[in-house]
Amino acid sequence: MSSPAIQYLVTLVESLPDTIPIQVISHLREYIADLQDEQQWDTTFNRTQSALVVTARQAKQQRAAGQAVPMDYNQL
């Protein structure tokens, strides 16, 4: 993010009544943490996507060959 954008955000927060900036900072921390979690998920997914594709193809082949059995979710 550019420095002018950060400075603008700081100016906005500083212009709020004294009790509000704490709430704003709390929300920003949560928002940034959520963004970081999403970024980590995307990185992990991209790293494992080829393995997921291979596994999905194998499952599809097993099902077509009659080797697959329905999953019993009650036994999990």
N, C-alpha and C. Protein backbone atom coordinates (compact mmCIF):
# COMPACT_ATOMS: atom_id res chain seq x y z
N MET A 1 0.86 -1.18 0.00
CA MET A 1 0.00 0.00 0.00
C MET A 1 0.90 1.23 0.00
N SER A 2 0.47 2.24 -0.69
CA SER A 2 1.28 3.44 -0.80
C SER A 2 1.25 4.25 0.49
N SER A 3 2.30 4.99 0.71
CA SER A 3 2.40 5.82 1.91
C SER A 3 1.29 6.86 2.01
N PRO A 4 0.90 7.53 0.92
CA PRO A 4 -0.20 8.49 1.02
C PRO A 4 -1.52 7.82 1.46
N ALA A 5 -1.75 6.59 1.02
CA ALA A 5 -2.97 5.89 1.42
C ALA A 5 -2.94 5.58 2.92
N ILE A 6 -1.81 5.17 3.42
CA ILE A 6 -1.69 4.89 4.86
C ILE A 6 -1.85 6.18 5.65
N GLN A 7 -1.22 7.25 5.19
CA GLN A 7 -1.34 8.54 5.88
C GLN A 7 -2.79 9.01 5.89
N TYR A 8 -3.51 8.81 4.80
CA TYR A 8 -4.92 9.19 4.73
C TYR A 8 -5.73 8.39 5.76
N LEU A 9 -5.45 7.10 5.86
CA LEU A 9 -6.14 6.26 6.84
C LEU A 9 -5.85 6.72 8.26
N VAL A 10 -4.61 7.04 8.54
CA VAL A 10 -4.23 7.53 9.86
C VAL A 10 -4.95 8.84 10.16
N THR A 11 -5.01 9.73 9.19
CA THR A 11 -5.70 11.01 9.36
C THR A 11 -7.18 10.79 9.67
N LEU A 12 -7.81 9.86 8.95
CA LEU A 12 -9.21 9.55 9.20
C LEU A 12 -9.43 9.04 10.62
N VAL A 13 -8.58 8.12 11.03
CA VAL A 13 -8.73 7.53 12.37
C VAL A 13 -8.48 8.58 13.44
N GLU A 14 -7.48 9.42 13.23
CA GLU A 14 -7.17 10.45 14.21
C GLU A 14 -8.28 11.49 14.33
N SER A 15 -9.08 11.64 13.30
CA SER A 15 -10.14 12.65 13.35
C SER A 15 -11.38 12.16 14.10
N LEU A 16 -11.41 10.89 14.47
CA LEU A 16 -12.56 10.32 15.17
C LEU A 16 -12.51 10.66 16.66
N PRO A 17 -13.66 10.60 17.32
CA PRO A 17 -13.66 10.79 18.78
C PRO A 17 -12.75 9.77 19.46
N ASP A 18 -12.26 10.09 20.64
CA ASP A 18 -11.23 9.30 21.31
C ASP A 18 -11.53 7.81 21.48
N THR A 19 -12.76 7.43 21.69
CA THR A 19 -13.07 6.03 21.94
C THR A 19 -13.19 5.21 20.65
N ILE A 20 -13.42 5.84 19.54
CA ILE A 20 -13.66 5.14 18.28
C ILE A 20 -12.39 4.53 17.67
N PRO A 21 -11.24 5.19 17.70
CA PRO A 21 -10.06 4.60 17.06
C PRO A 21 -9.71 3.20 17.59
N ILE A 22 -9.96 2.95 18.85
CA ILE A 22 -9.68 1.62 19.40
C ILE A 22 -10.55 0.58 18.70
N GLN A 23 -11.82 0.91 18.47
CA GLN A 23 -12.71 -0.01 17.76
C GLN A 23 -12.27 -0.20 16.31
N VAL A 24 -11.86 0.89 15.68
CA VAL A 24 -11.40 0.83 14.28
C VAL A 24 -10.18 -0.08 14.19
N ILE A 25 -9.24 0.10 15.09
CA ILE A 25 -8.02 -0.71 15.08
C ILE A 25 -8.35 -2.18 15.32
N SER A 26 -9.27 -2.44 16.21
CA SER A 26 -9.70 -3.81 16.47
C SER A 26 -10.28 -4.45 15.22
N HIS A 27 -11.15 -3.70 14.54
CA HIS A 27 -11.75 -4.22 13.30
C HIS A 27 -10.69 -4.42 12.22
N LEU A 28 -9.76 -3.49 12.12
CA LEU A 28 -8.70 -3.63 11.12
C LEU A 28 -7.83 -4.85 11.40
N ARG A 29 -7.51 -5.09 12.66
CA ARG A 29 -6.72 -6.28 13.01
C ARG A 29 -7.45 -7.56 12.59
N GLU A 30 -8.74 -7.62 12.89
CA GLU A 30 -9.53 -8.80 12.51
C GLU A 30 -9.57 -8.95 11.00
N TYR A 31 -9.78 -7.84 10.31
CA TYR A 31 -9.87 -7.86 8.85
C TYR A 31 -8.54 -8.32 8.25
N ILE A 32 -7.45 -7.77 8.74
CA ILE A 32 -6.12 -8.16 8.23
C ILE A 32 -5.83 -9.62 8.54
N ALA A 33 -6.20 -10.09 9.72
CA ALA A 33 -6.02 -11.50 10.07
C ALA A 33 -6.81 -12.39 9.13
N ASP A 34 -8.04 -11.99 8.81
CA ASP A 34 -8.85 -12.75 7.85
C ASP A 34 -8.20 -12.78 6.47
N LEU A 35 -7.69 -11.64 6.04
CA LEU A 35 -7.01 -11.59 4.75
C LEU A 35 -5.78 -12.49 4.73
N GLN A 36 -5.03 -12.50 5.83
CA GLN A 36 -3.85 -13.36 5.92
C GLN A 36 -4.24 -14.83 5.90
N ASP A 37 -5.33 -15.18 6.59
CA ASP A 37 -5.81 -16.56 6.57
C ASP A 37 -6.21 -16.97 5.16
N GLU A 38 -6.92 -16.08 4.45
CA GLU A 38 -7.32 -16.38 3.08
C GLU A 38 -6.11 -16.55 2.18
N GLN A 39 -5.11 -15.69 2.38
CA GLN A 39 -3.89 -15.78 1.57
C GLN A 39 -3.18 -17.10 1.84
N GLN A 40 -3.13 -17.51 3.10
CA GLN A 40 -2.50 -18.78 3.45
C GLN A 40 -3.27 -19.95 2.84
N TRP A 41 -4.60 -19.88 2.89
CA TRP A 41 -5.43 -20.92 2.27
C TRP A 41 -5.16 -20.99 0.78
N ASP A 42 -5.14 -19.83 0.11
CA ASP A 42 -4.88 -19.81 -1.34
C ASP A 42 -3.52 -20.41 -1.66
N THR A 43 -2.51 -20.07 -0.87
CA THR A 43 -1.17 -20.61 -1.08
C THR A 43 -1.16 -22.12 -0.91
N THR A 44 -1.80 -22.59 0.15
CA THR A 44 -1.85 -24.03 0.40
C THR A 44 -2.62 -24.74 -0.70
N PHE A 45 -3.75 -24.19 -1.08
CA PHE A 45 -4.56 -24.80 -2.14
C PHE A 45 -3.78 -24.86 -3.45
N ASN A 46 -3.13 -23.78 -3.81
CA ASN A 46 -2.35 -23.76 -5.06
C ASN A 46 -1.21 -24.76 -5.03
N ARG A 47 -0.62 -24.95 -3.86
CA ARG A 47 0.49 -25.89 -3.71
C ARG A 47 0.01 -27.34 -3.83
N THR A 48 -1.22 -27.61 -3.41
CA THR A 48 -1.73 -28.98 -3.39
C THR A 48 -2.73 -29.27 -4.51
N GLN A 49 -3.01 -28.29 -5.34
CA GLN A 49 -4.04 -28.45 -6.36
C GLN A 49 -3.74 -29.61 -7.31
N SER A 50 -2.50 -29.77 -7.73
CA SER A 50 -2.19 -30.86 -8.67
C SER A 50 -2.43 -32.22 -8.02
N ALA A 51 -2.12 -32.36 -6.74
CA ALA A 51 -2.38 -33.62 -6.04
C ALA A 51 -3.88 -33.87 -5.92
N LEU A 52 -4.65 -32.81 -5.70
CA LEU A 52 -6.11 -32.95 -5.62
C LEU A 52 -6.68 -33.41 -6.96
N VAL A 53 -6.15 -32.87 -8.05
CA VAL A 53 -6.62 -33.25 -9.38
C VAL A 53 -6.32 -34.73 -9.63
N VAL A 54 -5.12 -35.18 -9.28
CA VAL A 54 -4.75 -36.59 -9.46
C VAL A 54 -5.68 -37.49 -8.65
N THR A 55 -5.92 -37.13 -7.40
CA THR A 55 -6.79 -37.92 -6.53
C THR A 55 -8.21 -37.96 -7.07
N ALA A 56 -8.71 -36.84 -7.56
CA ALA A 56 -10.05 -36.79 -8.13
C ALA A 56 -10.15 -37.68 -9.37
N ARG A 57 -9.13 -37.66 -10.19
CA ARG A 57 -9.13 -38.52 -11.39
C ARG A 57 -9.13 -40.00 -10.99
N GLN A 58 -8.32 -40.34 -10.00
CA GLN A 58 -8.28 -41.73 -9.54
C GLN A 58 -9.65 -42.16 -9.01
N ALA A 59 -10.27 -41.30 -8.24
CA ALA A 59 -11.60 -41.63 -7.69
C ALA A 59 -12.61 -41.82 -8.82
N LYS A 60 -12.54 -40.96 -9.81
CA LYS A 60 -13.46 -41.07 -10.95
C LYS A 60 -13.23 -42.38 -11.69
N GLN A 61 -11.97 -42.76 -11.89
CA GLN A 61 -11.65 -44.02 -12.57
C GLN A 61 -12.13 -45.22 -11.75
N GLN A 62 -11.92 -45.18 -10.44
CA GLN A 62 -12.35 -46.27 -9.57
C GLN A 62 -13.87 -46.41 -9.60
N ARG A 63 -14.54 -45.29 -9.61
CA ARG A 63 -16.01 -45.32 -9.65
C ARG A 63 -16.49 -45.91 -10.98
N ALA A 64 -15.87 -45.49 -12.07
CA ALA A 64 -16.25 -46.00 -13.39
C ALA A 64 -15.96 -47.50 -13.51
N ALA A 65 -14.93 -47.98 -12.82
CA ALA A 65 -14.56 -49.39 -12.87
C ALA A 65 -15.34 -50.22 -11.86
N GLY A 66 -16.22 -49.56 -11.11
CA GLY A 66 -17.02 -50.29 -10.11
C GLY A 66 -16.24 -50.64 -8.86
N GLN A 67 -15.13 -50.00 -8.63
CA GLN A 67 -14.29 -50.28 -7.46
C GLN A 67 -14.61 -49.39 -6.27
N ALA A 68 -15.43 -48.40 -6.47
CA ALA A 68 -15.76 -47.47 -5.39
C ALA A 68 -16.96 -47.97 -4.62
N VAL A 69 -16.96 -47.70 -3.34
CA VAL A 69 -18.11 -48.04 -2.50
C VAL A 69 -18.65 -46.76 -1.88
N PRO A 70 -19.97 -46.67 -1.72
CA PRO A 70 -20.53 -45.47 -1.10
C PRO A 70 -20.00 -45.28 0.33
N MET A 71 -19.78 -44.05 0.70
CA MET A 71 -19.29 -43.75 2.03
C MET A 71 -20.45 -43.78 3.03
N ASP A 72 -20.23 -44.43 4.14
CA ASP A 72 -21.23 -44.48 5.20
C ASP A 72 -20.87 -43.39 6.21
N TYR A 73 -21.54 -42.27 6.13
CA TYR A 73 -21.24 -41.13 6.99
C TYR A 73 -21.59 -41.39 8.46
N ASN A 74 -22.39 -42.39 8.72
CA ASN A 74 -22.76 -42.72 10.09
C ASN A 74 -21.62 -43.43 10.83
N GLN A 75 -20.65 -43.94 10.11
CA GLN A 75 -19.54 -44.64 10.74
C GLN A 75 -18.32 -43.75 10.92
N LEU A 76 -18.42 -42.50 10.64
CA LEU A 76 -17.27 -41.59 10.79
C LEU A 76 -17.01 -41.24 12.20
